C-alpha cells in the first residue's frame, strides 16, 4: 500500500504519524514536506473533501498570522488561496492512501486508512 504524508518535520504529531506509517508492514511511504513543496489549490480541495473538512477547519491559527490576516472569517476559496501562498496555514499532518484521507490529529487516526 502506498501512503503519502504531507509532513512538517518540526511537528511532533507529524513525526509520530510518519513513524506509524514507517513501522506498518507493507506500507510504502511518500513524504511531502509541504513547507518546501507547497500544495496546489486543487490538491487542498481534494484532501479536505476526502477528509470531511472545510478549508476553515483545516486552517492553522497557532503559530501563524492567519487570524490577524482575517482568514478565519474568509470564504473557503480565499482560505485555500492563502494556504497555497503560505503552506504554514494548513494544519498537519494529512495522510492519503487508497483507503482515503485523514487529518491525523491525533496521530492514531492514520490507522483508519491503513
N, C-alpha and C. Protein backbone atom coordinates (compact mmCIF):
# COMPACT_ATOMS: atom_id res chain seq x y z
N UNK A 1 0.84 -1.18 0.00
CA UNK A 1 0.00 0.00 0.00
C UNK A 1 0.89 1.24 0.00
N UNK A 2 0.51 2.22 -0.80
CA UNK A 2 1.22 3.49 -0.82
C UNK A 2 0.50 4.48 0.10
N UNK A 3 1.28 5.22 0.88
CA UNK A 3 0.75 6.26 1.76
C UNK A 3 1.56 7.53 1.52
N UNK A 4 0.86 8.63 1.32
CA UNK A 4 1.51 9.93 1.17
C UNK A 4 1.18 10.75 2.40
N UNK A 5 2.22 11.30 3.02
CA UNK A 5 2.03 12.16 4.18
C UNK A 5 2.53 13.56 3.83
N UNK A 6 1.71 14.55 4.10
CA UNK A 6 2.12 15.95 3.98
C UNK A 6 2.66 16.31 5.35
N UNK A 7 3.97 16.46 5.41
CA UNK A 7 4.73 16.38 6.65
C UNK A 7 5.49 17.67 6.94
N UNK A 8 5.55 17.98 8.23
CA UNK A 8 6.42 19.05 8.73
C UNK A 8 7.30 18.41 9.79
N UNK A 9 8.60 18.26 9.51
CA UNK A 9 9.47 17.58 10.46
C UNK A 9 9.58 18.28 11.82
N UNK A 10 9.19 19.53 11.91
CA UNK A 10 9.24 20.26 13.19
C UNK A 10 8.02 19.97 14.07
N UNK A 11 7.03 19.26 13.54
CA UNK A 11 5.78 18.98 14.25
C UNK A 11 5.83 17.59 14.87
N UNK A 12 5.63 17.51 16.18
CA UNK A 12 5.65 16.24 16.88
C UNK A 12 4.59 15.27 16.39
N UNK A 13 3.38 15.76 16.17
CA UNK A 13 2.30 14.89 15.70
C UNK A 13 2.61 14.35 14.30
N UNK A 14 3.18 15.19 13.47
CA UNK A 14 3.56 14.76 12.14
C UNK A 14 4.65 13.69 12.21
N UNK A 15 5.63 13.89 13.07
CA UNK A 15 6.69 12.88 13.23
C UNK A 15 6.13 11.56 13.76
N UNK A 16 5.20 11.62 14.71
CA UNK A 16 4.60 10.40 15.25
C UNK A 16 3.76 9.68 14.19
N UNK A 17 3.06 10.43 13.37
CA UNK A 17 2.27 9.83 12.30
C UNK A 17 3.18 9.16 11.29
N UNK A 18 4.26 9.83 10.92
CA UNK A 18 5.22 9.25 9.99
C UNK A 18 5.81 7.97 10.57
N UNK A 19 6.10 7.95 11.86
CA UNK A 19 6.65 6.74 12.49
C UNK A 19 5.66 5.58 12.39
N UNK A 20 4.38 5.84 12.59
CA UNK A 20 3.37 4.78 12.45
C UNK A 20 3.39 4.24 11.03
N UNK A 21 3.44 5.13 10.06
CA UNK A 21 3.48 4.69 8.66
C UNK A 21 4.71 3.84 8.38
N UNK A 22 5.86 4.30 8.84
CA UNK A 22 7.11 3.59 8.58
C UNK A 22 7.17 2.25 9.30
N UNK A 23 6.49 2.11 10.42
CA UNK A 23 6.51 0.87 11.20
C UNK A 23 5.46 -0.14 10.74
N UNK A 24 4.57 0.28 9.84
CA UNK A 24 3.49 -0.61 9.39
C UNK A 24 3.98 -1.43 8.21
N UNK A 25 3.99 -2.77 8.36
CA UNK A 25 4.45 -3.63 7.27
C UNK A 25 3.62 -3.41 6.00
N UNK A 26 4.30 -3.40 4.86
CA UNK A 26 3.62 -3.31 3.58
C UNK A 26 3.26 -1.90 3.15
N UNK A 27 3.64 -0.90 3.93
CA UNK A 27 3.31 0.49 3.58
C UNK A 27 4.54 1.16 2.96
N UNK A 28 4.36 1.63 1.74
CA UNK A 28 5.40 2.41 1.05
C UNK A 28 5.06 3.88 1.26
N UNK A 29 5.93 4.60 1.94
CA UNK A 29 5.64 5.97 2.36
C UNK A 29 6.28 6.99 1.42
N UNK A 30 5.46 7.92 0.97
CA UNK A 30 5.96 9.09 0.24
C UNK A 30 5.79 10.28 1.18
N UNK A 31 6.88 10.98 1.44
CA UNK A 31 6.87 12.13 2.34
C UNK A 31 6.95 13.40 1.50
N UNK A 32 5.95 14.26 1.69
CA UNK A 32 5.95 15.56 1.03
C UNK A 32 6.12 16.61 2.12
N UNK A 33 7.28 17.24 2.15
CA UNK A 33 7.49 18.33 3.10
C UNK A 33 6.84 19.57 2.50
N UNK A 34 5.61 19.80 2.90
CA UNK A 34 4.77 20.81 2.24
C UNK A 34 5.27 22.23 2.42
N UNK A 35 6.13 22.49 3.39
CA UNK A 35 6.71 23.83 3.51
C UNK A 35 7.75 24.07 2.41
N UNK A 36 8.33 22.98 1.89
CA UNK A 36 9.28 23.07 0.77
C UNK A 36 8.59 22.89 -0.58
N UNK A 37 7.56 22.07 -0.60
CA UNK A 37 6.79 21.80 -1.81
C UNK A 37 5.34 22.14 -1.52
N UNK A 38 4.96 23.41 -1.73
CA UNK A 38 3.61 23.85 -1.36
C UNK A 38 2.50 23.09 -2.09
N UNK A 39 1.35 23.09 -1.49
CA UNK A 39 0.16 22.46 -2.05
C UNK A 39 -0.35 23.23 -3.27
N UNK A 40 -0.93 22.51 -4.20
CA UNK A 40 -1.72 23.12 -5.26
C UNK A 40 -3.14 23.26 -4.72
N UNK A 41 -3.85 24.28 -5.16
CA UNK A 41 -5.22 24.53 -4.68
C UNK A 41 -6.12 23.33 -4.90
N UNK A 42 -6.02 22.68 -6.06
CA UNK A 42 -6.87 21.52 -6.34
C UNK A 42 -6.57 20.37 -5.38
N UNK A 43 -5.30 20.19 -5.01
CA UNK A 43 -4.94 19.13 -4.08
C UNK A 43 -5.51 19.42 -2.70
N UNK A 44 -5.44 20.68 -2.28
CA UNK A 44 -6.04 21.04 -0.99
C UNK A 44 -7.54 20.75 -0.99
N UNK A 45 -8.23 21.14 -2.04
CA UNK A 45 -9.68 20.88 -2.12
C UNK A 45 -9.98 19.39 -2.03
N UNK A 46 -9.19 18.59 -2.73
CA UNK A 46 -9.38 17.14 -2.73
C UNK A 46 -9.12 16.55 -1.35
N UNK A 47 -8.01 16.95 -0.72
CA UNK A 47 -7.68 16.43 0.61
C UNK A 47 -8.76 16.79 1.63
N UNK A 48 -9.19 18.04 1.61
CA UNK A 48 -10.20 18.48 2.57
C UNK A 48 -11.52 17.74 2.34
N UNK A 49 -11.92 17.62 1.08
CA UNK A 49 -13.19 16.94 0.78
C UNK A 49 -13.14 15.48 1.25
N UNK A 50 -12.05 14.80 0.94
CA UNK A 50 -11.95 13.39 1.30
C UNK A 50 -11.77 13.18 2.80
N UNK A 51 -11.21 14.18 3.48
CA UNK A 51 -11.06 14.09 4.94
C UNK A 51 -12.31 14.56 5.66
N UNK A 52 -13.27 15.12 4.89
CA UNK A 52 -14.51 15.59 5.51
C UNK A 52 -14.35 16.89 6.26
N UNK A 53 -13.43 17.74 5.81
CA UNK A 53 -13.17 19.02 6.46
C UNK A 53 -13.44 20.18 5.50
N UNK A 54 -13.74 21.32 6.06
CA UNK A 54 -13.78 22.54 5.27
C UNK A 54 -12.39 23.17 5.33
N UNK A 55 -12.14 24.11 4.43
CA UNK A 55 -10.86 24.82 4.47
C UNK A 55 -10.69 25.52 5.81
N UNK A 56 -11.75 26.09 6.34
CA UNK A 56 -11.69 26.78 7.63
C UNK A 56 -11.28 25.81 8.74
N UNK A 57 -11.82 24.59 8.72
CA UNK A 57 -11.48 23.60 9.74
C UNK A 57 -10.03 23.14 9.64
N UNK A 58 -9.46 23.23 8.44
CA UNK A 58 -8.07 22.82 8.23
C UNK A 58 -7.09 23.97 8.38
N UNK A 59 -7.58 25.15 8.70
CA UNK A 59 -6.75 26.34 8.83
C UNK A 59 -5.97 26.32 10.14
N UNK A 60 -4.68 26.49 10.04
CA UNK A 60 -3.83 26.53 11.23
C UNK A 60 -3.73 27.98 11.70
N UNK A 61 -4.16 28.21 12.93
CA UNK A 61 -4.08 29.54 13.51
C UNK A 61 -2.84 29.68 14.40
N UNK A 62 -2.58 28.63 15.17
CA UNK A 62 -1.45 28.68 16.11
C UNK A 62 -0.13 28.78 15.36
N UNK A 63 0.68 29.74 15.75
CA UNK A 63 1.99 29.89 15.14
C UNK A 63 1.99 30.57 13.78
N UNK A 64 0.83 31.11 13.37
CA UNK A 64 0.75 31.82 12.09
C UNK A 64 0.09 33.17 12.32
N UNK A 65 0.06 33.97 11.27
CA UNK A 65 -0.63 35.26 11.33
C UNK A 65 -2.00 35.19 10.64
N UNK A 66 -2.54 33.97 10.49
CA UNK A 66 -3.81 33.79 9.80
C UNK A 66 -4.94 34.57 10.45
N UNK A 67 -4.98 34.58 11.76
CA UNK A 67 -6.05 35.29 12.47
C UNK A 67 -5.95 36.80 12.22
N UNK A 68 -4.74 37.32 12.34
CA UNK A 68 -4.54 38.74 12.11
C UNK A 68 -4.88 39.14 10.68
N UNK A 69 -4.69 38.21 9.75
CA UNK A 69 -5.00 38.47 8.34
C UNK A 69 -6.47 38.29 8.01
N UNK A 70 -7.28 37.93 9.00
CA UNK A 70 -8.72 37.79 8.79
C UNK A 70 -9.15 36.49 8.14
N UNK A 71 -8.26 35.51 8.06
CA UNK A 71 -8.62 34.27 7.38
C UNK A 71 -9.75 33.47 8.04
N UNK A 72 -9.89 33.46 9.36
CA UNK A 72 -11.00 32.70 9.93
C UNK A 72 -12.38 33.17 9.45
N UNK A 73 -12.48 34.41 9.02
CA UNK A 73 -13.76 34.94 8.54
C UNK A 73 -13.87 34.88 7.02
N UNK A 74 -12.81 34.46 6.34
CA UNK A 74 -12.80 34.43 4.87
C UNK A 74 -13.58 33.22 4.35
N UNK A 75 -13.92 33.27 3.06
CA UNK A 75 -14.59 32.12 2.46
C UNK A 75 -13.55 31.05 2.10
N UNK A 76 -14.05 29.87 1.77
CA UNK A 76 -13.17 28.73 1.50
C UNK A 76 -12.17 28.98 0.41
N UNK A 77 -12.58 29.62 -0.67
CA UNK A 77 -11.66 29.88 -1.78
C UNK A 77 -10.53 30.81 -1.35
N UNK A 78 -10.83 31.82 -0.56
CA UNK A 78 -9.80 32.75 -0.08
C UNK A 78 -8.84 32.04 0.87
N UNK A 79 -9.37 31.17 1.70
CA UNK A 79 -8.52 30.41 2.62
C UNK A 79 -7.59 29.50 1.84
N UNK A 80 -8.12 28.80 0.85
CA UNK A 80 -7.30 27.90 0.04
C UNK A 80 -6.24 28.68 -0.73
N UNK A 81 -6.59 29.84 -1.26
CA UNK A 81 -5.60 30.67 -1.95
C UNK A 81 -4.48 31.08 -1.00
N UNK A 82 -4.85 31.45 0.23
CA UNK A 82 -3.85 31.83 1.22
C UNK A 82 -2.97 30.64 1.60
N UNK A 83 -3.57 29.46 1.70
CA UNK A 83 -2.81 28.26 2.02
C UNK A 83 -1.83 27.92 0.91
N UNK A 84 -2.23 28.15 -0.33
CA UNK A 84 -1.33 27.90 -1.45
C UNK A 84 -0.13 28.84 -1.42
N UNK A 85 -0.38 30.08 -1.01
CA UNK A 85 0.70 31.07 -0.93
C UNK A 85 1.55 30.89 0.32
N UNK A 86 0.95 30.39 1.39
CA UNK A 86 1.66 30.20 2.65
C UNK A 86 1.24 28.85 3.23
N UNK A 87 1.94 27.77 2.89
CA UNK A 87 1.52 26.44 3.33
C UNK A 87 1.53 26.25 4.84
N UNK A 88 2.14 27.14 5.59
CA UNK A 88 2.11 27.04 7.06
C UNK A 88 0.69 27.23 7.59
N UNK A 89 -0.22 27.77 6.76
CA UNK A 89 -1.60 27.95 7.17
C UNK A 89 -2.39 26.63 7.20
N UNK A 90 -1.81 25.56 6.68
CA UNK A 90 -2.50 24.27 6.64
C UNK A 90 -2.15 23.47 7.89
N UNK A 91 -3.17 23.02 8.62
CA UNK A 91 -2.93 22.14 9.75
C UNK A 91 -2.32 20.84 9.25
N UNK A 92 -1.67 20.13 10.11
CA UNK A 92 -0.98 18.92 9.71
C UNK A 92 -1.09 17.86 10.79
N UNK A 93 -0.80 16.65 10.36
CA UNK A 93 -0.48 16.14 9.04
C UNK A 93 -1.71 15.55 8.34
N UNK A 94 -1.69 15.60 7.04
CA UNK A 94 -2.67 14.88 6.23
C UNK A 94 -1.98 13.66 5.66
N UNK A 95 -2.72 12.55 5.61
CA UNK A 95 -2.21 11.31 5.01
C UNK A 95 -3.25 10.80 4.04
N UNK A 96 -2.77 10.35 2.87
CA UNK A 96 -3.65 9.80 1.84
C UNK A 96 -3.17 8.40 1.47
N UNK A 97 -4.10 7.45 1.46
CA UNK A 97 -3.86 6.10 0.94
C UNK A 97 -5.00 5.77 -0.01
N UNK A 98 -4.97 4.58 -0.57
CA UNK A 98 -6.08 4.18 -1.45
C UNK A 98 -7.36 3.95 -0.66
N UNK A 99 -7.29 3.96 0.67
CA UNK A 99 -8.47 3.81 1.52
C UNK A 99 -9.06 5.14 1.97
N UNK A 100 -8.39 6.26 1.60
CA UNK A 100 -8.94 7.56 1.95
C UNK A 100 -7.90 8.55 2.44
N UNK A 101 -8.40 9.64 2.99
CA UNK A 101 -7.57 10.73 3.51
C UNK A 101 -7.97 10.99 4.96
N UNK A 102 -6.97 11.22 5.80
CA UNK A 102 -7.24 11.60 7.18
C UNK A 102 -6.36 12.77 7.57
N UNK A 103 -6.97 13.66 8.34
CA UNK A 103 -6.23 14.69 9.07
C UNK A 103 -5.86 13.99 10.37
N UNK A 104 -4.60 13.71 10.57
CA UNK A 104 -4.15 12.80 11.61
C UNK A 104 -3.81 13.50 12.93
N UNK A 105 -4.82 14.08 13.51
CA UNK A 105 -4.75 14.65 14.86
C UNK A 105 -5.87 14.03 15.65
N UNK A 106 -5.60 13.11 16.53
CA UNK A 106 -4.31 12.58 16.93
C UNK A 106 -3.72 11.65 15.87
N UNK A 107 -2.46 11.32 16.04
CA UNK A 107 -1.75 10.54 15.04
C UNK A 107 -2.35 9.17 14.78
N UNK A 108 -3.03 8.59 15.74
CA UNK A 108 -3.63 7.27 15.55
C UNK A 108 -4.74 7.26 14.51
N UNK A 109 -5.23 8.43 14.10
CA UNK A 109 -6.25 8.50 13.05
C UNK A 109 -5.74 7.85 11.76
N UNK A 110 -4.44 7.84 11.57
CA UNK A 110 -3.87 7.26 10.35
C UNK A 110 -4.22 5.78 10.23
N UNK A 111 -4.38 5.10 11.34
CA UNK A 111 -4.66 3.66 11.30
C UNK A 111 -5.98 3.34 10.59
N UNK A 112 -6.89 4.31 10.54
CA UNK A 112 -8.19 4.10 9.88
C UNK A 112 -8.05 3.88 8.38
N UNK A 113 -6.94 4.32 7.81
CA UNK A 113 -6.78 4.21 6.35
C UNK A 113 -5.61 3.31 5.97
N UNK A 114 -5.17 2.49 6.90
CA UNK A 114 -4.08 1.54 6.61
C UNK A 114 -4.62 0.15 6.44
